[in-house]
C-alpha atoms as a PDB file:
ATOM      1  CA  MET A   1      -0.082  -0.021  -0.020  1.00  0.00           C
ATOM      2  CA  VAL A   2       1.272   3.447  -0.964  1.00  0.00           C
ATOM      3  CA  LEU A   3       0.934   6.046   1.887  1.00  0.00           C
ATOM      4  CA  PRO A   4      -0.308   9.475   1.106  1.00  0.00           C
ATOM      5  CA  SER A   5       2.452  12.070   0.618  1.00  0.00           C
ATOM      6  CA  ASP A   6       1.738  13.920   3.952  1.00  0.00           C
ATOM      7  CA  ALA A   7       1.818  10.616   5.826  1.00  0.00           C
ATOM      8  CA  SER A   8       5.187   9.576   4.258  1.00  0.00           C
ATOM      9  CA  SER A   9       6.603  13.014   5.141  1.00  0.00           C
ATOM     10  CA  SER A  10       5.364  12.564   8.571  1.00  0.00           C
ATOM     11  CA  CYS A  11       7.103   9.173   8.893  1.00  0.00           C
ATOM     12  CA  ARG A  12      10.340  10.647   7.574  1.00  0.00           C
ATOM     13  CA  THR A  13      10.120  13.454  10.066  1.00  0.00           C
ATOM     14  CA  THR A  14       9.522  11.149  12.992  1.00  0.00           C
ATOM     15  CA  GLU A  15      12.553   8.904  11.778  1.00  0.00           C
ATOM     16  CA  ASP A  16      14.802  12.000  11.562  1.00  0.00           C
ATOM     17  CA  GLU A  17      13.795  13.015  15.061  1.00  0.00           C
ATOM     18  CA  ARG A  18      14.609   9.645  16.348  1.00  0.00           C
ATOM     19  CA  ILE A  19      18.084   9.648  14.676  1.00  0.00           C
ATOM     20  CA  ARG A  20      18.788  13.189  16.098  1.00  0.00           C
ATOM     21  CA  ALA A  21      17.750  12.136  19.579  1.00  0.00           C
ATOM     22  CA  ALA A  22      20.016   9.106  19.467  1.00  0.00           C
ATOM     23  CA  GLU A  23      22.989  11.325  18.320  1.00  0.00           C
ATOM     24  CA  ALA A  24      22.196  13.781  21.050  1.00  0.00           C
ATOM     25  CA  ASP A  25      22.226  10.755  23.617  1.00  0.00           C
ATOM     26  CA  ASP A  26      25.578   9.567  22.343  1.00  0.00           C
ATOM     27  CA  ASP A  27      26.999  13.099  22.617  1.00  0.00           C
ATOM     28  CA  ASP A  28      25.731  13.307  26.221  1.00  0.00           C
ATOM     29  CA  ASP A  29      27.247   9.964  27.192  1.00  0.00           C
ATOM     30  CA  GLU A  30      30.720  10.937  25.883  1.00  0.00           C
ATOM     31  CA  PRO A  31      32.724  12.439  28.648  1.00  0.00           C
ATOM     32  CA  PRO A  32      34.313  15.861  27.918  1.00  0.00           C
ATOM     33  CA  PRO A  33      38.174  15.661  27.269  1.00  0.00           C
ATOM     34  CA  GLN A  34      40.211  16.108  30.432  1.00  0.00           C
ATOM     35  CA  VAL A  35      42.021  19.599  30.401  1.00  0.00           C
ATOM     36  CA  VAL A  36      45.546  19.297  32.131  1.00  0.00           C
ATOM     37  CA  ASP A  37      47.278  22.458  31.194  1.00  0.00           C
ATOM     38  CA  ARG A  38      46.948  26.012  29.772  1.00  0.00           C
ATOM     39  CA  ASP A  39      49.525  28.118  28.019  1.00  0.00           C
ATOM     40  CA  PRO A  40      50.842  31.366  29.648  1.00  0.00           C
ATOM     41  CA  SER A  41      48.739  33.541  27.229  1.00  0.00           C
ATOM     42  CA  GLY A  42      45.532  31.691  28.340  1.00  0.00           C
ATOM     43  CA  ARG A  43      44.580  31.018  24.755  1.00  0.00           C
ATOM     44  CA  PHE A  44      45.410  27.419  24.543  1.00  0.00           C
ATOM     45  CA  ILE A  45      44.372  24.465  26.639  1.00  0.00           C
ATOM     46  CA  ARG A  46      46.025  20.982  26.527  1.00  0.00           C
ATOM     47  CA  TYR A  47      44.106  17.711  26.858  1.00  0.00           C
ATOM     48  CA  ALA A  48      45.485  14.667  28.512  1.00  0.00           C
ATOM     49  CA  GLU A  49      45.414  12.730  25.109  1.00  0.00           C
ATOM     50  CA  PRO A  50      48.906  12.413  23.521  1.00  0.00           C
ATOM     51  CA  LEU A  51      49.205  12.367  19.807  1.00  0.00           C
ATOM     52  CA  GLY A  52      52.812  11.096  19.614  1.00  0.00           C
ATOM     53  CA  LYS A  53      56.110  10.841  21.470  1.00  0.00           C
ATOM     54  CA  GLY A  54      59.805  10.877  20.326  1.00  0.00           C
ATOM     55  CA  ALA A  55      63.215  10.954  21.949  1.00  0.00           C
ATOM     56  CA  TYR A  56      63.072  14.585  22.638  1.00  0.00           C
ATOM     57  CA  LYS A  57      59.554  15.658  21.741  1.00  0.00           C
ATOM     58  CA  THR A  58      56.059  14.901  22.903  1.00  0.00           C
ATOM     59  CA  VAL A  59      52.826  16.130  21.186  1.00  0.00           C
ATOM     60  CA  TRP A  60      49.344  16.416  22.736  1.00  0.00           C
ATOM     61  CA  ARG A  61      45.997  17.342  21.487  1.00  0.00           C
ATOM     62  CA  ALA A  62      44.950  20.943  22.434  1.00  0.00           C
ATOM     63  CA  PHE A  63      42.272  23.409  21.791  1.00  0.00           C
ATOM     64  CA  ASP A  64      42.428  27.039  20.717  1.00  0.00           C
ATOM     65  CA  GLU A  65      39.708  28.777  22.654  1.00  0.00           C
ATOM     66  CA  GLU A  66      40.040  31.967  20.585  1.00  0.00           C
ATOM     67  CA  GLU A  67      39.612  30.452  17.117  1.00  0.00           C
ATOM     68  CA  GLY A  68      37.642  27.456  18.302  1.00  0.00           C
ATOM     69  CA  VAL A  69      39.722  24.716  16.619  1.00  0.00           C
ATOM     70  CA  GLU A  70      41.917  21.835  17.813  1.00  0.00           C
ATOM     71  CA  VAL A  71      45.642  22.288  17.817  1.00  0.00           C
ATOM     72  CA  ALA A  72      48.784  20.481  18.639  1.00  0.00           C
ATOM     73  CA  TRP A  73      50.769  21.172  21.797  1.00  0.00           C
ATOM     74  CA  ASN A  74      54.366  20.382  21.397  1.00  0.00           C
ATOM     75  CA  GLN A  75      56.849  19.989  24.215  1.00  0.00           C
ATOM     76  CA  LEU A  76      60.603  19.890  23.225  1.00  0.00           C
ATOM     77  CA  ARG A  77      63.387  18.770  25.601  1.00  0.00           C
ATOM     78  CA  VAL A  78      66.584  20.835  25.299  1.00  0.00           C
ATOM     79  CA  ASP A  79      68.678  19.024  27.887  1.00  0.00           C
ATOM     80  CA  HIS A  80      70.580  17.271  25.152  1.00  0.00           C
ATOM     81  CA  LEU A  81      71.835  20.526  23.784  1.00  0.00           C
ATOM     82  CA  THR A  82      74.492  22.856  24.957  1.00  0.00           C
ATOM     83  CA  THR A  83      73.442  26.013  26.852  1.00  0.00           C
ATOM     84  CA  LEU A  84      74.304  27.997  23.881  1.00  0.00           C
ATOM     85  CA  ASP A  85      72.379  25.978  21.435  1.00  0.00           C
ATOM     86  CA  ALA A  86      69.356  25.630  23.646  1.00  0.00           C
ATOM     87  CA  GLY A  87      69.318  29.416  24.026  1.00  0.00           C
ATOM     88  CA  LYS A  88      69.431  29.746  20.313  1.00  0.00           C
ATOM     89  CA  LEU A  89      66.780  27.258  19.820  1.00  0.00           C
ATOM     90  CA  ARG A  90      64.412  29.111  22.064  1.00  0.00           C
ATOM     91  CA  SER A  91      64.868  32.334  20.101  1.00  0.00           C
ATOM     92  CA  GLU A  92      64.500  30.631  16.783  1.00  0.00           C
ATOM     93  CA  VAL A  93      61.264  28.852  17.735  1.00  0.00           C
ATOM     94  CA  THR A  94      59.779  32.250  18.575  1.00  0.00           C
ATOM     95  CA  LEU A  95      60.892  33.588  15.150  1.00  0.00           C
ATOM     96  CA  LEU A  96      59.213  30.710  13.381  1.00  0.00           C
ATOM     97  CA  SER A  97      55.888  31.895  14.603  1.00  0.00           C
ATOM     98  CA  ALA A  98      55.975  34.473  12.023  1.00  0.00           C
ATOM     99  CA  LEU A  99      56.099  32.055   9.084  1.00  0.00           C
ATOM    100  CA  ARG A 100      52.972  32.051   6.794  1.00  0.00           C
ATOM    101  CA  HIS A 101      52.708  29.601   3.940  1.00  0.00           C
ATOM    102  CA  PRO A 102      49.934  27.135   2.661  1.00  0.00           C
ATOM    103  CA  ASN A 103      52.617  24.368   2.818  1.00  0.00           C
ATOM    104  CA  VAL A 104      54.240  25.126   6.221  1.00  0.00           C
ATOM    105  CA  ILE A 105      52.327  24.183   9.490  1.00  0.00           C
ATOM    106  CA  ARG A 106      51.357  27.325  11.326  1.00  0.00           C
ATOM    107  CA  LEU A 107      53.201  27.903  14.634  1.00  0.00           C
ATOM    108  CA  TYR A 108      50.880  30.052  16.808  1.00  0.00           C
ATOM    109  CA  TYR A 109      52.651  30.496  20.030  1.00  0.00           C
ATOM    110  CA  ALA A 110      55.997  29.514  21.910  1.00  0.00           C
ATOM    111  CA  TRP A 111      57.267  29.748  25.490  1.00  0.00           C
ATOM    112  CA  THR A 112      59.565  28.125  27.890  1.00  0.00           C
ATOM    113  CA  ALA A 113      59.165  26.720  31.297  1.00  0.00           C
ATOM    114  CA  PRO A 114      61.462  25.133  33.962  1.00  0.00           C
ATOM    115  CA  ALA A 115      62.063  21.393  33.625  1.00  0.00           C
ATOM    116  CA  ALA A 116      62.004  18.770  36.359  1.00  0.00           C
ATOM    117  CA  ASN A 117      65.767  18.363  36.090  1.00  0.00           C
ATOM    118  CA  GLY A 118      66.384  21.989  36.670  1.00  0.00           C
ATOM    119  CA  GLY A 119      66.796  23.006  33.092  1.00  0.00           C
ATOM    120  CA  GLU A 120      64.217  24.442  30.722  1.00  0.00           C
ATOM    121  CA  THR A 121      61.628  22.999  28.297  1.00  0.00           C
ATOM    122  CA  VAL A 122      60.559  24.627  25.103  1.00  0.00           C
ATOM    123  CA  TYR A 123      56.767  24.472  24.219  1.00  0.00           C
ATOM    124  CA  PHE A 124      55.093  25.611  21.035  1.00  0.00           C
ATOM    125  CA  VAL A 125      51.553  25.331  19.667  1.00  0.00           C
ATOM    126  CA  THR A 126      50.803  24.523  15.995  1.00  0.00           C
ATOM    127  CA  GLU A 127      47.920  23.769  13.824  1.00  0.00           C
ATOM    128  CA  LEU A 128      46.798  20.190  13.850  1.00  0.00           C
ATOM    129  CA  MET A 129      46.633  18.047  10.475  1.00  0.00           C
ATOM    130  CA  THR A 130      43.740  15.622  10.367  1.00  0.00           C
ATOM    131  CA  SER A 131      45.563  12.568   8.820  1.00  0.00           C
ATOM    132  CA  GLY A 132      48.880  12.733  10.644  1.00  0.00           C
ATOM    133  CA  THR A 133      52.179  12.197   8.959  1.00  0.00           C
ATOM    134  CA  LEU A 134      52.939  11.372   5.383  1.00  0.00           C
ATOM    135  CA  LYS A 135      54.663   8.230   6.561  1.00  0.00           C
ATOM    136  CA  ARG A 136      51.464   6.854   8.243  1.00  0.00           C
ATOM    137  CA  TYR A 137      49.330   8.191   5.297  1.00  0.00           C
ATOM    138  CA  LEU A 138      51.415   6.217   2.804  1.00  0.00           C
ATOM    139  CA  ARG A 139      50.736   2.972   4.575  1.00  0.00           C
ATOM    140  CA  LYS A 140      47.133   3.304   3.315  1.00  0.00           C
ATOM    141  CA  THR A 141      48.204   2.884  -0.298  1.00  0.00           C
ATOM    142  CA  SER A 142      48.236  -0.489  -1.785  1.00  0.00           C
ATOM    143  CA  GLY A 143      51.450  -1.327  -3.715  1.00  0.00           C
ATOM    144  CA  GLY A 144      53.529   1.555  -4.935  1.00  0.00           C
ATOM    145  CA  ILE A 145      52.638   5.243  -4.915  1.00  0.00           C
ATOM    146  CA  ARG A 146      50.891   6.462  -8.196  1.00  0.00           C
ATOM    147  CA  PRO A 147      52.977   8.953 -10.173  1.00  0.00           C
ATOM    148  CA  LYS A 148      50.243  11.675  -9.955  1.00  0.00           C
ATOM    149  CA  PHE A 149      49.853  11.505  -6.201  1.00  0.00           C
ATOM    150  CA  LEU A 150      53.741  11.422  -5.845  1.00  0.00           C
ATOM    151  CA  LYS A 151      54.154  14.635  -7.906  1.00  0.00           C
ATOM    152  CA  LEU A 152      51.319  16.348  -5.788  1.00  0.00           C
ATOM    153  CA  ILE A 153      53.160  15.694  -2.673  1.00  0.00           C
ATOM    154  CA  CYS A 154      56.595  16.639  -4.102  1.00  0.00           C
ATOM    155  CA  ARG A 155      55.294  19.990  -5.552  1.00  0.00           C
ATOM    156  CA  GLN A 156      53.831  20.887  -2.117  1.00  0.00           C
ATOM    157  CA  VAL A 157      56.804  19.946  -0.016  1.00  0.00           C
ATOM    158  CA  LEU A 158      59.133  21.787  -2.522  1.00  0.00           C
ATOM    159  CA  SER A 159      56.795  24.878  -2.356  1.00  0.00           C
ATOM    160  CA  GLY A 160      57.101  24.951   1.397  1.00  0.00           C
ATOM    161  CA  LEU A 161      60.977  24.452   1.348  1.00  0.00           C
ATOM    162  CA  SER A 162      61.245  27.227  -1.295  1.00  0.00           C
ATOM    163  CA  TYR A 163      59.312  29.622   0.981  1.00  0.00           C
ATOM    164  CA  LEU A 164      61.523  28.702   4.004  1.00  0.00           C
ATOM    165  CA  HIS A 165      64.829  29.116   2.109  1.00  0.00           C
ATOM    166  CA  ASN A 166      63.789  32.365   0.574  1.00  0.00           C
ATOM    167  CA  CYS A 167      62.855  33.920   3.791  1.00  0.00           C
ATOM    168  CA  HIS A 168      65.119  36.853   5.009  1.00  0.00           C
ATOM    169  CA  PRO A 169      67.309  35.413   6.505  1.00  0.00           C
ATOM    170  CA  PRO A 170      66.626  31.808   5.164  1.00  0.00           C
ATOM    171  CA  VAL A 171      65.185  29.134   7.418  1.00  0.00           C
ATOM    172  CA  ILE A 172      66.539  25.603   7.324  1.00  0.00           C
ATOM    173  CA  HIS A 173      64.298  22.831   8.365  1.00  0.00           C
ATOM    174  CA  ARG A 174      67.205  20.473   9.310  1.00  0.00           C
ATOM    175  CA  ASP A 175      65.066  17.437  10.049  1.00  0.00           C
ATOM    176  CA  LEU A 176      62.989  16.907   6.870  1.00  0.00           C
ATOM    177  CA  LYS A 177      61.586  13.281   6.712  1.00  0.00           C
ATOM    178  CA  CYS A 178      58.301  11.629   5.966  1.00  0.00           C
ATOM    179  CA  GLU A 179      57.450  11.623   9.670  1.00  0.00           C
ATOM    180  CA  ASN A 180      57.757  15.439   9.662  1.00  0.00           C
ATOM    181  CA  ILE A 181      55.469  16.032   6.635  1.00  0.00           C
ATOM    182  CA  PHE A 182      51.826  16.135   7.400  1.00  0.00           C
ATOM    183  CA  VAL A 183      48.700  15.476   5.544  1.00  0.00           C
ATOM    184  CA  ASN A 184      45.070  16.631   5.436  1.00  0.00           C
ATOM    185  CA  GLY A 185      43.511  13.536   3.826  1.00  0.00           C
ATOM    186  CA  ASN A 186      40.218  15.259   2.961  1.00  0.00           C
ATOM    187  CA  THR A 187      41.830  17.836   0.653  1.00  0.00           C
ATOM    188  CA  GLY A 188      45.252  16.270  -0.142  1.00  0.00           C
ATOM    189  CA  GLU A 189      46.871  19.295   1.441  1.00  0.00           C
ATOM    190  CA  VAL A 190      50.511  18.599   2.544  1.00  0.00           C
ATOM    191  CA  LYS A 191      52.477  20.801   4.912  1.00  0.00           C
ATOM    192  CA  LEU A 192      55.992  20.878   6.464  1.00  0.00           C
ATOM    193  CA  GLY A 193      55.873  20.393  10.111  1.00  0.00           C
ATOM    194  CA  ASP A 194      58.061  19.758  13.323  1.00  0.00           C
ATOM    195  CA  LEU A 195      59.803  23.055  12.769  1.00  0.00           C
ATOM    196  CA  GLY A 196      61.076  23.020  16.381  1.00  0.00           C
ATOM    197  CA  LEU A 197      64.331  21.840  14.980  1.00  0.00           C
ATOM    198  CA  ALA A 198      64.460  24.532  12.298  1.00  0.00           C
ATOM    199  CA  THR A 199      66.950  27.235  12.415  1.00  0.00           C
ATOM    200  CA  VAL A 200      67.552  30.658  10.888  1.00  0.00           C
ATOM    201  CA  LYS A 201      70.600  30.745   8.485  1.00  0.00           C
ATOM    202  CA  PRO A 202      73.256  33.248   9.635  1.00  0.00           C
ATOM    203  CA  LEU A 203      75.376  35.167   7.215  1.00  0.00           C
ATOM    204  CA  ARG A 204      77.650  32.171   6.355  1.00  0.00           C
ATOM    205  CA  HIS A 205      76.825  28.686   7.564  1.00  0.00           C
ATOM    206  CA  VAL A 206      75.150  26.913  10.452  1.00  0.00           C
ATOM    207  CA  THR A 207      77.454  25.064  12.884  1.00  0.00           C
ATOM    208  CA  SER A 208      75.329  22.698  15.031  1.00  0.00           C
ATOM    209  CA  VAL A 209      74.600  19.025  14.315  1.00  0.00           C
ATOM    210  CA  ILE A 210      70.972  17.966  14.552  1.00  0.00           C
ATOM    211  CA  GLY A 211      68.583  15.724  12.611  1.00  0.00           C
ATOM    212  CA  THR A 212      67.926  12.170  11.685  1.00  0.00           C
ATOM    213  CA  PRO A 213      71.011  10.277  10.466  1.00  0.00           C
ATOM    214  CA  GLU A 214      69.336   8.461   7.586  1.00  0.00           C
ATOM    215  CA  PHE A 215      68.330  11.919   6.130  1.00  0.00           C
ATOM    216  CA  MET A 216      71.375  13.974   6.943  1.00  0.00           C
ATOM    217  CA  ALA A 217      73.508  15.258   4.274  1.00  0.00           C
ATOM    218  CA  PRO A 218      77.335  14.738   4.455  1.00  0.00           C
ATOM    219  CA  GLU A 219      78.105  18.339   5.237  1.00  0.00           C
ATOM    220  CA  LEU A 220      75.930  18.190   8.343  1.00  0.00           C
ATOM    221  CA  TYR A 221      78.601  16.084   9.945  1.00  0.00           C
ATOM    222  CA  ASP A 222      81.127  18.676   9.359  1.00  0.00           C
ATOM    223  CA  GLU A 223      78.920  21.143  11.228  1.00  0.00           C
ATOM    224  CA  LYS A 224      79.082  23.542   8.290  1.00  0.00           C
ATOM    225  CA  TYR A 225      76.063  23.661   6.133  1.00  0.00           C
ATOM    226  CA  ASP A 226      73.223  25.654   4.603  1.00  0.00           C
ATOM    227  CA  GLU A 227      69.707  25.245   3.123  1.00  0.00           C
ATOM    228  CA  LYS A 228      70.982  22.504   0.652  1.00  0.00           C
ATOM    229  CA  VAL A 229      70.789  20.009   3.597  1.00  0.00           C
ATOM    230  CA  ASP A 230      66.937  20.201   3.152  1.00  0.00           C
ATOM    231  CA  VAL A 231      67.082  19.342  -0.573  1.00  0.00           C
ATOM    232  CA  TYR A 232      69.185  16.228   0.263  1.00  0.00           C
ATOM    233  CA  ALA A 233      66.573  15.254   2.798  1.00  0.00           C
ATOM    234  CA  PHE A 234      63.885  15.843   0.289  1.00  0.00           C
ATOM    235  CA  GLY A 235      65.585  13.401  -2.039  1.00  0.00           C
ATOM    236  CA  MET A 236      65.603  10.827   0.729  1.00  0.00           C
ATOM    237  CA  CYS A 237      61.923  11.423   1.266  1.00  0.00           C
ATOM    238  CA  VAL A 238      61.177  10.812  -2.308  1.00  0.00           C
ATOM    239  CA  LEU A 239      63.212   7.597  -2.362  1.00  0.00           C
ATOM    240  CA  GLU A 240      61.188   6.333   0.789  1.00  0.00           C
ATOM    241  CA  MET A 241      57.877   7.281  -0.907  1.00  0.00           C
ATOM    242  CA  VAL A 242      58.633   5.379  -4.049  1.00  0.00           C
ATOM    243  CA  THR A 243      60.259   2.305  -2.562  1.00  0.00           C
ATOM    244  CA  LYS A 244      58.687   2.302   0.957  1.00  0.00           C
ATOM    245  CA  ASP A 245      62.117   1.469   2.238  1.00  0.00           C
ATOM    246  CA  TYR A 246      63.682   3.633   4.966  1.00  0.00           C
ATOM    247  CA  PRO A 247      66.845   5.068   3.525  1.00  0.00           C
ATOM    248  CA  TYR A 248      70.046   3.009   4.716  1.00  0.00           C
ATOM    249  CA  SER A 249      67.873   0.210   6.069  1.00  0.00           C
ATOM    250  CA  GLU A 250      70.654  -2.099   5.156  1.00  0.00           C
ATOM    251  CA  CYS A 251      72.877  -0.478   7.878  1.00  0.00           C
ATOM    252  CA  THR A 252      72.535  -1.864  11.534  1.00  0.00           C
ATOM    253  CA  ASN A 253      73.761   1.048  13.338  1.00  0.00           C
ATOM    254  CA  GLN A 254      74.405   4.891  13.028  1.00  0.00           C
ATOM    255  CA  ALA A 255      78.153   4.339  12.647  1.00  0.00           C
ATOM    256  CA  GLN A 256      77.574   2.436   9.445  1.00  0.00           C
ATOM    257  CA  ILE A 257      75.305   5.161   8.149  1.00  0.00           C
ATOM    258  CA  TYR A 258      77.853   7.894   8.945  1.00  0.00           C
ATOM    259  CA  LYS A 259      80.372   5.950   7.067  1.00  0.00           C
ATOM    260  CA  LYS A 260      78.197   5.540   3.920  1.00  0.00           C
ATOM    261  CA  VAL A 261      76.963   9.044   3.953  1.00  0.00           C
ATOM    262  CA  THR A 262      80.367  10.783   4.407  1.00  0.00           C
ATOM    263  CA  ASN A 263      81.915   8.603   1.602  1.00  0.00           C
ATOM    264  CA  GLY A 264      79.117   9.428  -0.721  1.00  0.00           C
ATOM    265  CA  ILE A 265      77.676   5.873  -0.839  1.00  0.00           C
ATOM    266  CA  LYS A 266      73.858   6.019  -1.644  1.00  0.00           C
ATOM    267  CA  PRO A 267      71.239   3.843  -0.066  1.00  0.00           C
ATOM    268  CA  LEU A 268      70.653   0.443  -1.657  1.00  0.00           C
ATOM    269  CA  ALA A 269      67.062   1.351  -2.087  1.00  0.00           C
ATOM    270  CA  LEU A 270      68.104   3.603  -5.011  1.00  0.00           C
ATOM    271  CA  ASP A 271      68.858   0.568  -7.069  1.00  0.00           C
ATOM    272  CA  LYS A 272      65.240  -0.260  -7.100  1.00  0.00           C
ATOM    273  CA  ILE A 273      64.406   2.792  -9.168  1.00  0.00           C
ATOM    274  CA  GLU A 274      64.689   2.679 -12.995  1.00  0.00           C
ATOM    275  CA  GLN A 275      66.697   5.249 -14.943  1.00  0.00           C
ATOM    276  CA  GLY A 276      64.566   8.074 -15.874  1.00  0.00           C
ATOM    277  CA  PRO A 277      63.350  11.504 -14.687  1.00  0.00           C
ATOM    278  CA  LEU A 278      62.361  10.303 -11.216  1.00  0.00           C
ATOM    279  CA  ARG A 279      65.681   8.776 -10.579  1.00  0.00           C
ATOM    280  CA  GLU A 280      67.430  11.832 -11.981  1.00  0.00           C
ATOM    281  CA  LEU A 281      65.487  14.058  -9.572  1.00  0.00           C
ATOM    282  CA  ILE A 282      66.471  11.922  -6.519  1.00  0.00           C
ATOM    283  CA  GLU A 283      70.223  11.694  -7.690  1.00  0.00           C
ATOM    284  CA  ALA A 284      70.328  15.443  -8.092  1.00  0.00           C
ATOM    285  CA  CYS A 285      69.130  16.001  -4.598  1.00  0.00           C
ATOM    286  CA  LEU A 286      71.641  13.469  -3.229  1.00  0.00           C
ATOM    287  CA  ARG A 287      74.729  14.969  -4.831  1.00  0.00           C
ATOM    288  CA  PHE A 288      77.711  14.938  -2.451  1.00  0.00           C
ATOM    289  CA  ASN A 289      78.676  18.419  -3.052  1.00  0.00           C
ATOM    290  CA  PRO A 290      75.854  20.829  -1.823  1.00  0.00           C
ATOM    291  CA  GLU A 291      76.896  23.411  -4.423  1.00  0.00           C
ATOM    292  CA  GLU A 292      75.838  20.961  -7.130  1.00  0.00           C
ATOM    293  CA  ARG A 293      72.444  20.226  -5.765  1.00  0.00           C
ATOM    294  CA  PRO A 294      69.527  22.295  -7.221  1.00  0.00           C
ATOM    295  CA  THR A 295      67.445  24.646  -4.920  1.00  0.00           C
ATOM    296  CA  ALA A 296      63.998  23.770  -3.853  1.00  0.00           C
ATOM    297  CA  ALA A 297      62.715  26.439  -6.257  1.00  0.00           C
ATOM    298  CA  GLU A 298      64.722  24.987  -9.200  1.00  0.00           C
ATOM    299  CA  LEU A 299      63.357  21.461  -8.428  1.00  0.00           C
ATOM    300  CA  LEU A 300      59.797  22.788  -8.881  1.00  0.00           C
ATOM    301  CA  HIS A 301      60.704  22.899 -12.667  1.00  0.00           C
ATOM    302  CA  HIS A 302      62.205  19.578 -12.867  1.00  0.00           C
ATOM    303  CA  PRO A 303      61.001  17.348 -15.770  1.00  0.00           C
ATOM    304  CA  PHE A 304      59.617  14.844 -13.485  1.00  0.00           C
ATOM    305  CA  LEU A 305      57.266  17.325 -11.830  1.00  0.00           C
END
């Protein structure tokens, strides 16, 4: 039997009301997140829920009460740095809050506080990317990454790097890797993150060693480098995206990685990539002499992209 149109509409309305009531009940049953801290400005509150933890850094979910959006609350230990480097890092994190680019995660606020061991801890609040890191996001792909998707990621990463390197003075990321590139899965938007280890380039060269060994350019170990170390690391990121192998996974310790990098020996994973524009792009980034590497801006015009 077919119901009259008004009766059908009435049934749909009743069903919609039941769904809304059920959703409201679910919301009421969900406990509010536990607030455990607030920043010195009073704008940001930190929840107890952690998002990730590394050797020197911990990230929590937080909330921006001024803009009404979720953010990431970062805590960076500096007790592994010299007093001079720790002081420099605090100043540079503050400077990074002025960066504005679609492919660089926004740093909203930074401050320091006493640490339990008597030293200091650096805190900074950044925007939160919905899909997490590029490394985690790539695990969702079956088989190899498709060329169109790879090019989309590469162009956005290079755009962010080009912006950083063309700031006045230039900003060097120093720890670029797939774990520090973040994705918004709903839009395909990619942004450079973990800028807590970035540094502002002085008139000549930077002279402190920091980063991830598998992605560190040879000159980083000589403690005399510039923004070309980010280009080298970008090449390693592309290599990992294509092969899904972590660079120098054939090595069993950092000493072996150091020996290969400083002698110009490339990761075995590079042998998996056939000759062509893609391999040429990676090899250009991994050139031993930083002066022979292209800039991020130049790579945006590479034939592969």
